[in-house]
Amino acid sequence: MPGRVKTRRQFARLAHPSKKGRSGPLRIHFVESSEPSEDFSAAYAIGKTVGNAVVRNTIRRRLRAVMDEVRGDAEPGLYLIKCGFGTNELDYDQLRDHVRHALRSAGTLR
């Protein structure tokens, strides 16, 4: 399972990403890892416009599973996945395809 972005310093680094990607309602920001503990960590930004708490938590769990799948193919570093309006209408396979496409457009998927 991917690690979590926890510290204020990690979040501050994500404010200035080195790479960005987009696909459908998803946007991905990437920062290269500078420490061994940041092998592969992810944060998720899912606003209230996407849905209520139950919907947002379901999307977060699905995103964690997708990021766990792509972990071996993606560059190590910090990832921020921003979910826009319409993310709640995607099923798991569509969400996975959008994540993979966004990672490819950011140039972080091997």
PDB file of N, CA and C in Angstrom:
ATOM      1  N   MET A   1       0.846  -1.176   0.000  1.00  0.00           N
ATOM      2  CA  MET A   1       0.000   0.000   0.000  1.00  0.00           C
ATOM      3  C   MET A   1       0.894   1.242   0.000  1.00  0.00           C
ATOM      4  N   PRO A   2       0.508   2.253  -0.768  1.00  0.00           N
ATOM      5  CA  PRO A   2       1.324   3.462  -0.779  1.00  0.00           C
ATOM      6  C   PRO A   2       1.313   4.143   0.578  1.00  0.00           C
ATOM      7  N   GLY A   3       2.434   4.788   0.895  1.00  0.00           N
ATOM      8  CA  GLY A   3       2.498   5.548   2.132  1.00  0.00           C
ATOM      9  C   GLY A   3       1.617   6.775   2.035  1.00  0.00           C
ATOM     10  N   ARG A   4       1.502   7.479   3.136  1.00  0.00           N
ATOM     11  CA  ARG A   4       0.680   8.680   3.163  1.00  0.00           C
ATOM     12  C   ARG A   4       1.558   9.907   3.308  1.00  0.00           C
ATOM     13  N   VAL A   5       1.149  10.967   2.685  1.00  0.00           N
ATOM     14  CA  VAL A   5       1.815  12.250   2.859  1.00  0.00           C
ATOM     15  C   VAL A   5       1.331  12.775   4.205  1.00  0.00           C
ATOM     16  N   LYS A   6       2.257  12.963   5.149  1.00  0.00           N
ATOM     17  CA  LYS A   6       1.855  13.287   6.513  1.00  0.00           C
ATOM     18  C   LYS A   6       2.368  14.638   6.999  1.00  0.00           C
ATOM     19  N   THR A   7       3.596  14.964   6.666  1.00  0.00           N
ATOM     20  CA  THR A   7       4.213  16.139   7.276  1.00  0.00           C
ATOM     21  C   THR A   7       3.891  17.421   6.520  1.00  0.00           C
ATOM     22  N   ARG A   8       3.988  18.499   7.236  1.00  0.00           N
ATOM     23  CA  ARG A   8       3.756  19.815   6.647  1.00  0.00           C
ATOM     24  C   ARG A   8       4.775  20.091   5.532  1.00  0.00           C
ATOM     25  N   ARG A   9       5.982  19.618   5.740  1.00  0.00           N
ATOM     26  CA  ARG A   9       7.037  19.819   4.738  1.00  0.00           C
ATOM     27  C   ARG A   9       6.701  19.100   3.425  1.00  0.00           C
ATOM     28  N   GLN A  10       6.163  17.894   3.532  1.00  0.00           N
ATOM     29  CA  GLN A  10       5.784  17.145   2.333  1.00  0.00           C
ATOM     30  C   GLN A  10       4.659  17.860   1.593  1.00  0.00           C
ATOM     31  N   PHE A  11       3.654  18.330   2.315  1.00  0.00           N
ATOM     32  CA  PHE A  11       2.557  19.060   1.676  1.00  0.00           C
ATOM     33  C   PHE A  11       3.053  20.347   1.031  1.00  0.00           C
ATOM     34  N   ALA A  12       3.998  21.022   1.680  1.00  0.00           N
ATOM     35  CA  ALA A  12       4.553  22.257   1.115  1.00  0.00           C
ATOM     36  C   ALA A  12       5.286  21.963  -0.191  1.00  0.00           C
ATOM     37  N   ARG A  13       5.984  20.842  -0.253  1.00  0.00           N
ATOM     38  CA  ARG A  13       6.677  20.470  -1.493  1.00  0.00           C
ATOM     39  C   ARG A  13       5.692  20.176  -2.622  1.00  0.00           C
ATOM     40  N   LEU A  14       4.531  19.631  -2.289  1.00  0.00           N
ATOM     41  CA  LEU A  14       3.527  19.330  -3.304  1.00  0.00           C
ATOM     42  C   LEU A  14       2.898  20.593  -3.887  1.00  0.00           C
ATOM     43  N   ALA A  15       3.054  21.721  -3.208  1.00  0.00           N
ATOM     44  CA  ALA A  15       2.519  22.979  -3.724  1.00  0.00           C
ATOM     45  C   ALA A  15       3.273  23.430  -4.976  1.00  0.00           C
ATOM     46  N   HIS A  16       4.494  22.926  -5.150  1.00  0.00           N
ATOM     47  CA  HIS A  16       5.305  23.263  -6.325  1.00  0.00           C
ATOM     48  C   HIS A  16       5.756  21.970  -7.003  1.00  0.00           C
ATOM     49  N   PRO A  17       4.843  21.315  -7.719  1.00  0.00           N
ATOM     50  CA  PRO A  17       5.166  20.006  -8.307  1.00  0.00           C
ATOM     51  C   PRO A  17       6.180  20.117  -9.435  1.00  0.00           C
ATOM     52  N   SER A  18       6.972  19.067  -9.578  1.00  0.00           N
ATOM     53  CA  SER A  18       7.928  19.019 -10.685  1.00  0.00           C
ATOM     54  C   SER A  18       7.259  18.481 -11.947  1.00  0.00           C
ATOM     55  N   LYS A  19       6.183  17.711 -11.779  1.00  0.00           N
ATOM     56  CA  LYS A  19       5.441  17.180 -12.929  1.00  0.00           C
ATOM     57  C   LYS A  19       3.955  17.192 -12.614  1.00  0.00           C
ATOM     58  N   LYS A  20       3.145  17.402 -13.676  1.00  0.00           N
ATOM     59  CA  LYS A  20       1.689  17.400 -13.530  1.00  0.00           C
ATOM     60  C   LYS A  20       1.075  16.575 -14.645  1.00  0.00           C
ATOM     61  N   GLY A  21      -0.053  15.956 -14.336  1.00  0.00           N
ATOM     62  CA  GLY A  21      -0.784  15.204 -15.337  1.00  0.00           C
ATOM     63  C   GLY A  21      -2.270  15.366 -15.108  1.00  0.00           C
ATOM     64  N   ARG A  22      -3.033  15.116 -16.163  1.00  0.00           N
ATOM     65  CA  ARG A  22      -4.485  15.269 -16.072  1.00  0.00           C
ATOM     66  C   ARG A  22      -5.180  14.253 -16.968  1.00  0.00           C
ATOM     67  N   SER A  23      -6.314  13.777 -16.492  1.00  0.00           N
ATOM     68  CA  SER A  23      -7.162  12.900 -17.288  1.00  0.00           C
ATOM     69  C   SER A  23      -8.566  12.970 -16.726  1.00  0.00           C
ATOM     70  N   GLY A  24      -9.505  13.380 -17.549  1.00  0.00           N
ATOM     71  CA  GLY A  24     -10.887  13.487 -17.109  1.00  0.00           C
ATOM     72  C   GLY A  24     -10.990  14.404 -15.901  1.00  0.00           C
ATOM     73  N   PRO A  25     -11.657  13.953 -14.839  1.00  0.00           N
ATOM     74  CA  PRO A  25     -11.820  14.803 -13.661  1.00  0.00           C
ATOM     75  C   PRO A  25     -10.626  14.762 -12.694  1.00  0.00           C
ATOM     76  N   LEU A  26      -9.573  14.006 -13.035  1.00  0.00           N
ATOM     77  CA  LEU A  26      -8.433  13.850 -12.131  1.00  0.00           C
ATOM     78  C   LEU A  26      -7.242  14.687 -12.564  1.00  0.00           C
ATOM     79  N   ARG A  27      -6.557  15.268 -11.562  1.00  0.00           N
ATOM     80  CA  ARG A  27      -5.287  15.957 -11.783  1.00  0.00           C
ATOM     81  C   ARG A  27      -4.274  15.368 -10.812  1.00  0.00           C
ATOM     82  N   ILE A  28      -3.061  15.144 -11.302  1.00  0.00           N
ATOM     83  CA  ILE A  28      -2.017  14.566 -10.463  1.00  0.00           C
ATOM     84  C   ILE A  28      -0.821  15.499 -10.431  1.00  0.00           C
ATOM     85  N   HIS A  29      -0.335  15.772  -9.218  1.00  0.00           N
ATOM     86  CA  HIS A  29       0.891  16.535  -9.010  1.00  0.00           C
ATOM     87  C   HIS A  29       1.928  15.573  -8.465  1.00  0.00           C
ATOM     88  N   PHE A  30       3.167  15.718  -8.929  1.00  0.00           N
ATOM     89  CA  PHE A  30       4.236  14.807  -8.537  1.00  0.00           C
ATOM     90  C   PHE A  30       5.467  15.595  -8.119  1.00  0.00           C
ATOM     91  N   VAL A  31       6.093  15.142  -7.041  1.00  0.00           N
ATOM     92  CA  VAL A  31       7.371  15.685  -6.586  1.00  0.00           C
ATOM     93  C   VAL A  31       8.312  14.507  -6.376  1.00  0.00           C
ATOM     94  N   GLU A  32       9.523  14.610  -6.942  1.00  0.00           N
ATOM     95  CA  GLU A  32      10.491  13.522  -6.801  1.00  0.00           C
ATOM     96  C   GLU A  32      10.873  13.341  -5.344  1.00  0.00           C
ATOM     97  N   SER A  33      11.168  12.106  -4.968  1.00  0.00           N
ATOM     98  CA  SER A  33      11.492  11.834  -3.571  1.00  0.00           C
ATOM     99  C   SER A  33      12.900  12.312  -3.264  1.00  0.00           C
ATOM    100  N   SER A  34      13.054  12.859  -2.063  1.00  0.00           N
ATOM    101  CA  SER A  34      14.374  13.330  -1.636  1.00  0.00           C
ATOM    102  C   SER A  34      14.879  12.531  -0.443  1.00  0.00           C
ATOM    103  N   GLU A  35      14.016  11.714   0.133  1.00  0.00           N
ATOM    104  CA  GLU A  35      14.385  10.894   1.281  1.00  0.00           C
ATOM    105  C   GLU A  35      13.958   9.453   1.043  1.00  0.00           C
ATOM    106  N   PRO A  36      14.686   8.491   1.614  1.00  0.00           N
ATOM    107  CA  PRO A  36      14.300   7.089   1.443  1.00  0.00           C
ATOM    108  C   PRO A  36      12.916   6.765   2.001  1.00  0.00           C
ATOM    109  N   SER A  37      12.482   7.494   3.026  1.00  0.00           N
ATOM    110  CA  SER A  37      11.169   7.221   3.612  1.00  0.00           C
ATOM    111  C   SER A  37      10.028   7.652   2.693  1.00  0.00           C
ATOM    112  N   GLU A  38      10.349   8.476   1.693  1.00  0.00           N
ATOM    113  CA  GLU A  38       9.343   8.944   0.740  1.00  0.00           C
ATOM    114  C   GLU A  38       9.362   8.106  -0.527  1.00  0.00           C
ATOM    115  N   ASP A  39       9.533   6.810  -0.371  1.00  0.00           N
ATOM    116  CA  ASP A  39       9.623   5.924  -1.519  1.00  0.00           C
ATOM    117  C   ASP A  39       8.439   6.100  -2.458  1.00  0.00           C
ATOM    118  N   PHE A  40       7.234   6.046  -1.939  1.00  0.00           N
ATOM    119  CA  PHE A  40       6.029   6.180  -2.751  1.00  0.00           C
ATOM    120  C   PHE A  40       4.891   6.573  -1.819  1.00  0.00           C
ATOM    121  N   SER A  41       4.567   7.854  -1.791  1.00  0.00           N
ATOM    122  CA  SER A  41       3.521   8.347  -0.893  1.00  0.00           C
ATOM    123  C   SER A  41       2.489   9.117  -1.691  1.00  0.00           C
ATOM    124  N   ALA A  42       1.247   9.051  -1.232  1.00  0.00           N
ATOM    125  CA  ALA A  42       0.166   9.720  -1.948  1.00  0.00           C
ATOM    126  C   ALA A  42      -0.758  10.452  -0.984  1.00  0.00           C
ATOM    127  N   ALA A  43      -1.309  11.566  -1.482  1.00  0.00           N
ATOM    128  CA  ALA A  43      -2.339  12.325  -0.775  1.00  0.00           C
ATOM    129  C   ALA A  43      -3.494  12.513  -1.747  1.00  0.00           C
ATOM    130  N   TYR A  44      -4.679  12.665  -1.213  1.00  0.00           N
ATOM    131  CA  TYR A  44      -5.870  12.756  -2.043  1.00  0.00           C
ATOM    132  C   TYR A  44      -6.659  14.004  -1.654  1.00  0.00           C
ATOM    133  N   ALA A  45      -7.004  14.825  -2.637  1.00  0.00           N
ATOM    134  CA  ALA A  45      -7.812  16.024  -2.417  1.00  0.00           C
ATOM    135  C   ALA A  45      -9.159  15.796  -3.100  1.00  0.00           C
ATOM    136  N   ILE A  46     -10.177  15.559  -2.283  1.00  0.00           N
ATOM    137  CA  ILE A  46     -11.503  15.261  -2.796  1.00  0.00           C
ATOM    138  C   ILE A  46     -12.464  16.251  -2.145  1.00  0.00           C
ATOM    139  N   GLY A  47     -12.892  17.232  -2.897  1.00  0.00           N
ATOM    140  CA  GLY A  47     -13.741  18.288  -2.360  1.00  0.00           C
ATOM    141  C   GLY A  47     -15.185  17.867  -2.177  1.00  0.00           C
ATOM    142  N   LYS A  48     -15.917  18.695  -1.463  1.00  0.00           N
ATOM    143  CA  LYS A  48     -17.322  18.403  -1.187  1.00  0.00           C
ATOM    144  C   LYS A  48     -18.195  18.451  -2.428  1.00  0.00           C
ATOM    145  N   THR A  49     -17.721  19.088  -3.500  1.00  0.00           N
ATOM    146  CA  THR A  49     -18.508  19.116  -4.739  1.00  0.00           C
ATOM    147  C   THR A  49     -18.581  17.736  -5.382  1.00  0.00           C
ATOM    148  N   VAL A  50     -17.665  16.851  -5.017  1.00  0.00           N
ATOM    149  CA  VAL A  50     -17.644  15.498  -5.569  1.00  0.00           C
ATOM    150  C   VAL A  50     -18.766  14.655  -4.971  1.00  0.00           C
ATOM    151  N   GLY A  51     -19.082  14.878  -3.705  1.00  0.00           N
ATOM    152  CA  GLY A  51     -20.141  14.106  -3.061  1.00  0.00           C
ATOM    153  C   GLY A  51     -20.063  14.218  -1.555  1.00  0.00           C
ATOM    154  N   ASN A  52     -20.959  13.512  -0.890  1.00  0.00           N
ATOM    155  CA  ASN A  52     -20.953  13.544   0.572  1.00  0.00           C
ATOM    156  C   ASN A  52     -19.794  12.712   1.113  1.00  0.00           C
ATOM    157  N   ALA A  53     -19.687  12.611   2.429  1.00  0.00           N
ATOM    158  CA  ALA A  53     -18.555  11.932   3.062  1.00  0.00           C
ATOM    159  C   ALA A  53     -18.454  10.464   2.654  1.00  0.00           C
ATOM    160  N   VAL A  54     -19.576   9.800   2.522  1.00  0.00           N
ATOM    161  CA  VAL A  54     -19.560   8.391   2.129  1.00  0.00           C
ATOM    162  C   VAL A  54     -18.975   8.235   0.733  1.00  0.00           C
ATOM    163  N   VAL A  55     -19.392   9.078  -0.191  1.00  0.00           N
ATOM    164  CA  VAL A  55     -18.896   9.035  -1.572  1.00  0.00           C
ATOM    165  C   VAL A  55     -17.404   9.361  -1.609  1.00  0.00           C
ATOM    166  N   ARG A  56     -16.991  10.403  -0.887  1.00  0.00           N
ATOM    167  CA  ARG A  56     -15.575  10.806  -0.885  1.00  0.00           C
ATOM    168  C   ARG A  56     -14.694   9.707  -0.305  1.00  0.00           C
ATOM    169  N   ASN A  57     -15.154   9.052   0.757  1.00  0.00           N
ATOM    170  CA  ASN A  57     -14.366   7.964   1.348  1.00  0.00           C
ATOM    171  C   ASN A  57     -14.287   6.759   0.420  1.00  0.00           C
ATOM    172  N   THR A  58     -15.358   6.484  -0.307  1.00  0.00           N
ATOM    173  CA  THR A  58     -15.331   5.392  -1.288  1.00  0.00           C
ATOM    174  C   THR A  58     -14.314   5.686  -2.383  1.00  0.00           C
ATOM    175  N   ILE A  59     -14.314   6.913  -2.874  1.00  0.00           N
ATOM    176  CA  ILE A  59     -13.350   7.305  -3.913  1.00  0.00           C
ATOM    177  C   ILE A  59     -11.929   7.199  -3.369  1.00  0.00           C
ATOM    178  N   ARG A  60     -11.713   7.642  -2.135  1.00  0.00           N
ATOM    179  CA  ARG A  60     -10.374   7.575  -1.526  1.00  0.00           C
ATOM    180  C   ARG A  60      -9.901   6.127  -1.421  1.00  0.00           C
ATOM    181  N   ARG A  61     -10.767   5.222  -1.007  1.00  0.00           N
ATOM    182  CA  ARG A  61     -10.384   3.808  -0.915  1.00  0.00           C
ATOM    183  C   ARG A  61     -10.054   3.240  -2.288  1.00  0.00           C
ATOM    184  N   ARG A  62     -10.845   3.605  -3.284  1.00  0.00           N
ATOM    185  CA  ARG A  62     -10.570   3.133  -4.652  1.00  0.00           C
ATOM    186  C   ARG A  62      -9.245   3.682  -5.159  1.00  0.00           C
ATOM    187  N   LEU A  63      -8.984   4.956  -4.890  1.00  0.00           N
ATOM    188  CA  LEU A  63      -7.719   5.558  -5.325  1.00  0.00           C
ATOM    189  C   LEU A  63      -6.525   4.888  -4.648  1.00  0.00           C
ATOM    190  N   ARG A  64      -6.653   4.558  -3.374  1.00  0.00           N
ATOM    191  CA  ARG A  64      -5.568   3.848  -2.685  1.00  0.00           C
ATOM    192  C   ARG A  64      -5.294   2.506  -3.353  1.00  0.00           C
ATOM    193  N   ALA A  65      -6.363   1.785  -3.717  1.00  0.00           N
ATOM    194  CA  ALA A  65      -6.193   0.487  -4.379  1.00  0.00           C
ATOM    195  C   ALA A  65      -5.546   0.655  -5.752  1.00  0.00           C
ATOM    196  N   VAL A  66      -5.958   1.679  -6.494  1.00  0.00           N
ATOM    197  CA  VAL A  66      -5.371   1.934  -7.814  1.00  0.00           C
ATOM    198  C   VAL A  66      -3.896   2.287  -7.668  1.00  0.00           C
ATOM    199  N   MET A  67      -3.570   3.164  -6.722  1.00  0.00           N
ATOM    200  CA  MET A  67      -2.176   3.552  -6.529  1.00  0.00           C
ATOM    201  C   MET A  67      -1.338   2.356  -6.071  1.00  0.00           C
ATOM    202  N   ASP A  68      -1.924   1.446  -5.337  1.00  0.00           N
ATOM    203  CA  ASP A  68      -1.220   0.229  -4.949  1.00  0.00           C
ATOM    204  C   ASP A  68      -0.911  -0.626  -6.178  1.00  0.00           C
ATOM    205  N   GLU A  69      -1.832  -0.657  -7.134  1.00  0.00           N
ATOM    206  CA  GLU A  69      -1.619  -1.413  -8.385  1.00  0.00           C
ATOM    207  C   GLU A  69      -0.488  -0.822  -9.211  1.00  0.00           C
ATOM    208  N   VAL A  70      -0.433   0.495  -9.316  1.00  0.00           N
ATOM    209  CA  VAL A  70       0.543   1.142 -10.204  1.00  0.00           C
ATOM    210  C   VAL A  70       1.872   1.416  -9.517  1.00  0.00           C
ATOM    211  N   ARG A  71       1.964   1.100  -8.246  1.00  0.00           N
ATOM    212  CA  ARG A  71       3.167   1.402  -7.464  1.00  0.00           C
ATOM    213  C   ARG A  71       4.452   0.906  -8.116  1.00  0.00           C
ATOM    214  N   GLY A  72       4.449  -0.299  -8.636  1.00  0.00           N
ATOM    215  CA  GLY A  72       5.646  -0.866  -9.255  1.00  0.00           C
ATOM    216  C   GLY A  72       6.031  -0.200 -10.571  1.00  0.00           C
ATOM    217  N   ASP A  73       5.066   0.428 -11.241  1.00  0.00           N
ATOM    218  CA  ASP A  73       5.322   1.041 -12.539  1.00  0.00           C
ATOM    219  C   ASP A  73       5.584   2.546 -12.458  1.00  0.00           C
ATOM    220  N   ALA A  74       5.298   3.156 -11.326  1.00  0.00           N
ATOM    221  CA  ALA A  74       5.418   4.616 -11.198  1.00  0.00           C
ATOM    222  C   ALA A  74       6.732   4.988 -10.516  1.00  0.00           C
ATOM    223  N   GLU A  75       7.194   6.200 -10.813  1.00  0.00           N
ATOM    224  CA  GLU A  75       8.411   6.711 -10.187  1.00  0.00           C
ATOM    225  C   GLU A  75       8.193   6.902  -8.687  1.00  0.00           C
ATOM    226  N   PRO A  76       9.235   6.689  -7.880  1.00  0.00           N
ATOM    227  CA  PRO A  76       9.097   6.953  -6.453  1.00  0.00           C
ATOM    228  C   PRO A  76       9.013   8.457  -6.197  1.00  0.00           C
ATOM    229  N   GLY A  77       8.196   8.839  -5.238  1.00  0.00           N
ATOM    230  CA  GLY A  77       8.047  10.242  -4.902  1.00  0.00           C
ATOM    231  C   GLY A  77       6.728  10.508  -4.222  1.00  0.00           C
ATOM    232  N   LEU A  78       6.363  11.784  -4.169  1.00  0.00           N
ATOM    233  CA  LEU A  78       5.114  12.215  -3.551  1.00  0.00           C
ATOM    234  C   LEU A  78       4.087  12.498  -4.631  1.00  0.00           C
ATOM    235  N   TYR A  79       2.887  12.000  -4.452  1.00  0.00           N
ATOM    236  CA  TYR A  79       1.802  12.211  -5.405  1.00  0.00           C
ATOM    237  C   TYR A  79       0.626  12.885  -4.701  1.00  0.00           C
ATOM    238  N   LEU A  80       0.033  13.846  -5.366  1.00  0.00           N
ATOM    239  CA  LEU A  80      -1.205  14.456  -4.910  1.00  0.00           C
ATOM    240  C   LEU A  80      -2.233  14.240  -6.012  1.00  0.00           C
ATOM    241  N   ILE A  81      -3.319  13.567  -5.689  1.00  0.00           N
ATOM    242  CA  ILE A  81      -4.367  13.310  -6.668  1.00  0.00           C
ATOM    243  C   ILE A  81      -5.555  14.193  -6.312  1.00  0.00           C
ATOM    244  N   LYS A  82      -5.906  15.082  -7.224  1.00  0.00           N
ATOM    245  CA  LYS A  82      -7.028  15.988  -7.025  1.00  0.00           C
ATOM    246  C   LYS A  82      -8.213  15.485  -7.838  1.00  0.00           C
ATOM    247  N   CYS A  83      -9.340  15.341  -7.179  1.00  0.00           N
ATOM    248  CA  CYS A  83     -10.540  14.827  -7.820  1.00  0.00           C
ATOM    249  C   CYS A  83     -11.514  15.969  -8.081  1.00  0.00           C
ATOM    250  N   GLY A  84     -11.956  16.080  -9.308  1.00  0.00           N
ATOM    251  CA  GLY A  84     -12.903  17.115  -9.675  1.00  0.00           C
ATOM    252  C   GLY A  84     -14.317  16.586  -9.789  1.00  0.00           C
ATOM    253  N   PHE A  85     -15.204  17.486 -10.145  1.00  0.00           N
ATOM    254  CA  PHE A  85     -16.615  17.150 -10.310  1.00  0.00           C
ATOM    255  C   PHE A  85     -16.767  16.030 -11.326  1.00  0.00           C
ATOM    256  N   GLY A  86     -17.528  15.024 -11.014  1.00  0.00           N
ATOM    257  CA  GLY A  86     -17.750  13.894 -11.914  1.00  0.00           C
ATOM    258  C   GLY A  86     -16.968  12.657 -11.528  1.00  0.00           C
ATOM    259  N   THR A  87     -16.052  12.769 -10.581  1.00  0.00           N
ATOM    260  CA  THR A  87     -15.281  11.598 -10.154  1.00  0.00           C
ATOM    261  C   THR A  87     -16.194  10.542  -9.554  1.00  0.00           C
ATOM    262  N   ASN A  88     -17.252  10.983  -8.892  1.00  0.00           N
ATOM    263  CA  ASN A  88     -18.167  10.037  -8.247  1.00  0.00           C
ATOM    264  C   ASN A  88     -18.930   9.181  -9.251  1.00  0.00           C
ATOM    265  N   GLU A  89     -18.976   9.575 -10.505  1.00  0.00           N
ATOM    266  CA  GLU A  89     -19.691   8.819 -11.533  1.00  0.00           C
ATOM    267  C   GLU A  89     -18.828   7.738 -12.181  1.00  0.00           C
ATOM    268  N   LEU A  90     -17.534   7.697 -11.843  1.00  0.00           N
ATOM    269  CA  LEU A  90     -16.629   6.716 -12.437  1.00  0.00           C
ATOM    270  C   LEU A  90     -16.671   5.411 -11.652  1.00  0.00           C
ATOM    271  N   ASP A  91     -16.705   4.289 -12.380  1.00  0.00           N
ATOM    272  CA  ASP A  91     -16.559   3.015 -11.689  1.00  0.00           C
ATOM    273  C   ASP A  91     -15.061   2.752 -11.498  1.00  0.00           C
ATOM    274  N   TYR A  92     -14.727   1.646 -10.853  1.00  0.00           N
ATOM    275  CA  TYR A  92     -13.333   1.370 -10.507  1.00  0.00           C
ATOM    276  C   TYR A  92     -12.431   1.308 -11.741  1.00  0.00           C
ATOM    277  N   ASP A  93     -12.876   0.610 -12.786  1.00  0.00           N
ATOM    278  CA  ASP A  93     -12.055   0.464 -13.988  1.00  0.00           C
ATOM    279  C   ASP A  93     -11.812   1.805 -14.673  1.00  0.00           C
ATOM    280  N   GLN A  94     -12.841   2.637 -14.738  1.00  0.00           N
ATOM    281  CA  GLN A  94     -12.677   3.961 -15.338  1.00  0.00           C
ATOM    282  C   GLN A  94     -11.733   4.820 -14.507  1.00  0.00           C
ATOM    283  N   LEU A  95     -11.847   4.739 -13.199  1.00  0.00           N
ATOM    284  CA  LEU A  95     -10.967   5.494 -12.310  1.00  0.00           C
ATOM    285  C   LEU A  95      -9.521   5.053 -12.507  1.00  0.00           C
ATOM    286  N   ARG A  96      -9.289   3.753 -12.572  1.00  0.00           N
ATOM    287  CA  ARG A  96      -7.942   3.229 -12.800  1.00  0.00           C
ATOM    288  C   ARG A  96      -7.380   3.710 -14.130  1.00  0.00           C
ATOM    289  N   ASP A  97      -8.208   3.689 -15.183  1.00  0.00           N
ATOM    290  CA  ASP A  97      -7.748   4.154 -16.491  1.00  0.00           C
ATOM    291  C   ASP A  97      -7.381   5.628 -16.472  1.00  0.00           C
ATOM    292  N   HIS A  98      -8.181   6.445 -15.779  1.00  0.00           N
ATOM    293  CA  HIS A  98      -7.884   7.875 -15.682  1.00  0.00           C
ATOM    294  C   HIS A  98      -6.600   8.122 -14.896  1.00  0.00           C
ATOM    295  N   VAL A  99      -6.392   7.376 -13.821  1.00  0.00           N
ATOM    296  CA  VAL A  99      -5.163   7.531 -13.037  1.00  0.00           C
ATOM    297  C   VAL A  99      -3.957   7.158 -13.889  1.00  0.00           C
ATOM    298  N   ARG A 100      -4.033   6.028 -14.578  1.00  0.00           N
ATOM    299  CA  ARG A 100      -2.908   5.615 -15.427  1.00  0.00           C
ATOM    300  C   ARG A 100      -2.633   6.632 -16.535  1.00  0.00           C
ATOM    301  N   HIS A 101      -3.682   7.156 -17.160  1.00  0.00           N
ATOM    302  CA  HIS A 101      -3.504   8.140 -18.218  1.00  0.00           C
ATOM    303  C   HIS A 101      -2.885   9.425 -17.663  1.00  0.00           C
ATOM    304  N   ALA A 102      -3.341   9.857 -16.488  1.00  0.00           N
ATOM    305  CA  ALA A 102      -2.776  11.066 -15.877  1.00  0.00           C
ATOM    306  C   ALA A 102      -1.316  10.866 -15.498  1.00  0.00           C
ATOM    307  N   LEU A 103      -0.969   9.674 -15.007  1.00  0.00           N
ATOM    308  CA  LEU A 103       0.439   9.391 -14.686  1.00  0.00           C
ATOM    309  C   LEU A 103       1.293   9.381 -15.943  1.00  0.00           C
ATOM    310  N   ARG A 104       0.764   8.819 -17.029  1.00  0.00           N
ATOM    311  CA  ARG A 104       1.501   8.826 -18.301  1.00  0.00           C
ATOM    312  C   ARG A 104       1.702  10.256 -18.806  1.00  0.00           C
ATOM    313  N   SER A 105       0.653  11.090 -18.711  1.00  0.00           N
ATOM    314  CA  SER A 105       0.777  12.462 -19.197  1.00  0.00           C
ATOM    315  C   SER A 105       1.732  13.284 -18.336  1.00  0.00           C
ATOM    316  N   ALA A 106       1.894  12.886 -17.068  1.00  0.00           N
ATOM    317  CA  ALA A 106       2.867  13.553 -16.200  1.00  0.00           C
ATOM    318  C   ALA A 106       4.283  13.009 -16.437  1.00  0.00           C
ATOM    319  N   GLY A 107       4.374  11.867 -17.098  1.00  0.00           N
ATOM    320  CA  GLY A 107       5.668  11.278 -17.360  1.00  0.00           C
ATOM    321  C   GLY A 107       6.234  10.510 -16.170  1.00  0.00           C
ATOM    322  N   THR A 108       5.365  10.060 -15.267  1.00  0.00           N
ATOM    323  CA  THR A 108       5.856   9.341 -14.090  1.00  0.00           C
ATOM    324  C   THR A 108       5.582   7.850 -14.162  1.00  0.00           C
ATOM    325  N   LEU A 109       4.894   7.385 -15.180  1.00  0.00           N
ATOM    326  CA  LEU A 109       4.610   5.952 -15.316  1.00  0.00           C
ATOM    327  C   LEU A 109       5.635   5.349 -16.265  1.00  0.00           C
ATOM    328  N   ARG A 110       6.285   4.277 -15.815  1.00  0.00           N
ATOM    329  CA  ARG A 110       7.327   3.644 -16.632  1.00  0.00           C
ATOM    330  C   ARG A 110       6.731   2.743 -17.683  1.00  0.00           C
TER     331      ARG A 110
END
